Amino acid sequence: MRKATALRVEGDWTFGKGVEVIGEVSLEASSAQRVGPGAVLSDQAETPAGGSAHA
């Protein structure tokens, strides 16, 4: 989280161990979603499975 400038989460999200957030990340989901262990989320990242990410 030290590299995150902002993290906005809407909906039911579970984060695995060691998830890294870089920059400004926004996650939205209408049903329960999971970000897998070791995933890197950034303002340049692709959409996590099952939800949407916005920079």
C-alpha atoms as a PDB file:
ATOM      1  CA  MET A   1       0.000   0.000   0.000  1.00  0.00           C
ATOM      2  CA  ARG A   2       3.010   2.320   0.304  1.00  0.00           C
ATOM      3  CA  LYS A   3       3.016   2.901  -3.459  1.00  0.00           C
ATOM      4  CA  ALA A   4      -0.730   3.638  -3.613  1.00  0.00           C
ATOM      5  CA  THR A   5      -1.866   7.232  -3.999  1.00  0.00           C
ATOM      6  CA  ALA A   6      -5.537   6.209  -3.691  1.00  0.00           C
ATOM      7  CA  LEU A   7      -7.555   2.991  -3.391  1.00  0.00           C
ATOM      8  CA  ARG A   8     -11.361   3.064  -3.757  1.00  0.00           C
ATOM      9  CA  VAL A   9     -13.287  -0.187  -3.251  1.00  0.00           C
ATOM     10  CA  GLU A  10     -17.002  -0.591  -3.938  1.00  0.00           C
ATOM     11  CA  GLY A  11     -18.608  -3.958  -3.323  1.00  0.00           C
ATOM     12  CA  ASP A  12     -17.478  -7.184  -1.675  1.00  0.00           C
ATOM     13  CA  TRP A  13     -13.755  -7.726  -2.381  1.00  0.00           C
ATOM     14  CA  THR A  14     -11.310 -10.135  -0.745  1.00  0.00           C
ATOM     15  CA  PHE A  15      -7.578  -9.543  -1.111  1.00  0.00           C
ATOM     16  CA  GLY A  16      -5.057 -12.387  -1.094  1.00  0.00           C
ATOM     17  CA  LYS A  17      -1.725 -12.184   0.679  1.00  0.00           C
ATOM     18  CA  GLY A  18       0.862  -9.832  -0.779  1.00  0.00           C
ATOM     19  CA  VAL A  19      -1.403  -7.775  -3.077  1.00  0.00           C
ATOM     20  CA  GLU A  20       0.393  -4.609  -4.204  1.00  0.00           C
ATOM     21  CA  VAL A  21      -1.400  -1.376  -5.140  1.00  0.00           C
ATOM     22  CA  ILE A  22       0.458   1.216  -7.227  1.00  0.00           C
ATOM     23  CA  GLY A  23      -0.927   4.648  -8.077  1.00  0.00           C
ATOM     24  CA  GLU A  24      -4.650   5.409  -8.014  1.00  0.00           C
ATOM     25  CA  VAL A  25      -6.858   2.296  -8.241  1.00  0.00           C
ATOM     26  CA  SER A  26     -10.635   1.938  -8.090  1.00  0.00           C
ATOM     27  CA  LEU A  27     -12.380  -1.452  -7.838  1.00  0.00           C
ATOM     28  CA  GLU A  28     -16.106  -1.974  -8.415  1.00  0.00           C
ATOM     29  CA  ALA A  29     -18.140  -5.181  -8.322  1.00  0.00           C
ATOM     30  CA  SER A  30     -21.799  -6.114  -8.010  1.00  0.00           C
ATOM     31  CA  SER A  31     -20.986  -9.544  -6.504  1.00  0.00           C
ATOM     32  CA  ALA A  32     -18.214 -10.968  -4.323  1.00  0.00           C
ATOM     33  CA  GLN A  33     -14.781 -10.831  -5.989  1.00  0.00           C
ATOM     34  CA  ARG A  34     -11.241 -11.850  -5.089  1.00  0.00           C
ATOM     35  CA  VAL A  35      -7.869 -10.351  -5.931  1.00  0.00           C
ATOM     36  CA  GLY A  36      -5.416 -13.256  -5.923  1.00  0.00           C
ATOM     37  CA  PRO A  37      -2.259 -13.532  -3.830  1.00  0.00           C
ATOM     38  CA  GLY A  38       0.667 -11.521  -5.153  1.00  0.00           C
ATOM     39  CA  ALA A  39      -1.459  -9.542  -7.633  1.00  0.00           C
ATOM     40  CA  VAL A  40      -0.268  -6.069  -8.628  1.00  0.00           C
ATOM     41  CA  LEU A  41      -3.026  -3.497  -9.137  1.00  0.00           C
ATOM     42  CA  SER A  42      -2.031  -0.198 -10.694  1.00  0.00           C
ATOM     43  CA  ASP A  43      -3.577   2.719 -12.525  1.00  0.00           C
ATOM     44  CA  GLN A  44      -2.200   0.990 -15.653  1.00  0.00           C
ATOM     45  CA  ALA A  45      -3.506  -2.511 -14.715  1.00  0.00           C
ATOM     46  CA  GLU A  46      -6.016  -4.590 -16.607  1.00  0.00           C
ATOM     47  CA  THR A  47      -9.408  -5.331 -15.087  1.00  0.00           C
ATOM     48  CA  PRO A  48      -9.392  -7.955 -12.303  1.00  0.00           C
ATOM     49  CA  ALA A  49     -11.517 -11.001 -13.161  1.00  0.00           C
ATOM     50  CA  GLY A  50     -15.196 -10.473 -12.406  1.00  0.00           C
ATOM     51  CA  GLY A  51     -15.064  -6.777 -11.601  1.00  0.00           C
ATOM     52  CA  SER A  52     -13.885  -3.519 -13.005  1.00  0.00           C
ATOM     53  CA  ALA A  53     -10.889  -1.341 -12.283  1.00  0.00           C
ATOM     54  CA  HIS A  54     -10.722   2.364 -13.092  1.00  0.00           C
ATOM     55  CA  ALA A  55      -7.742   4.677 -13.064  1.00  0.00           C
END
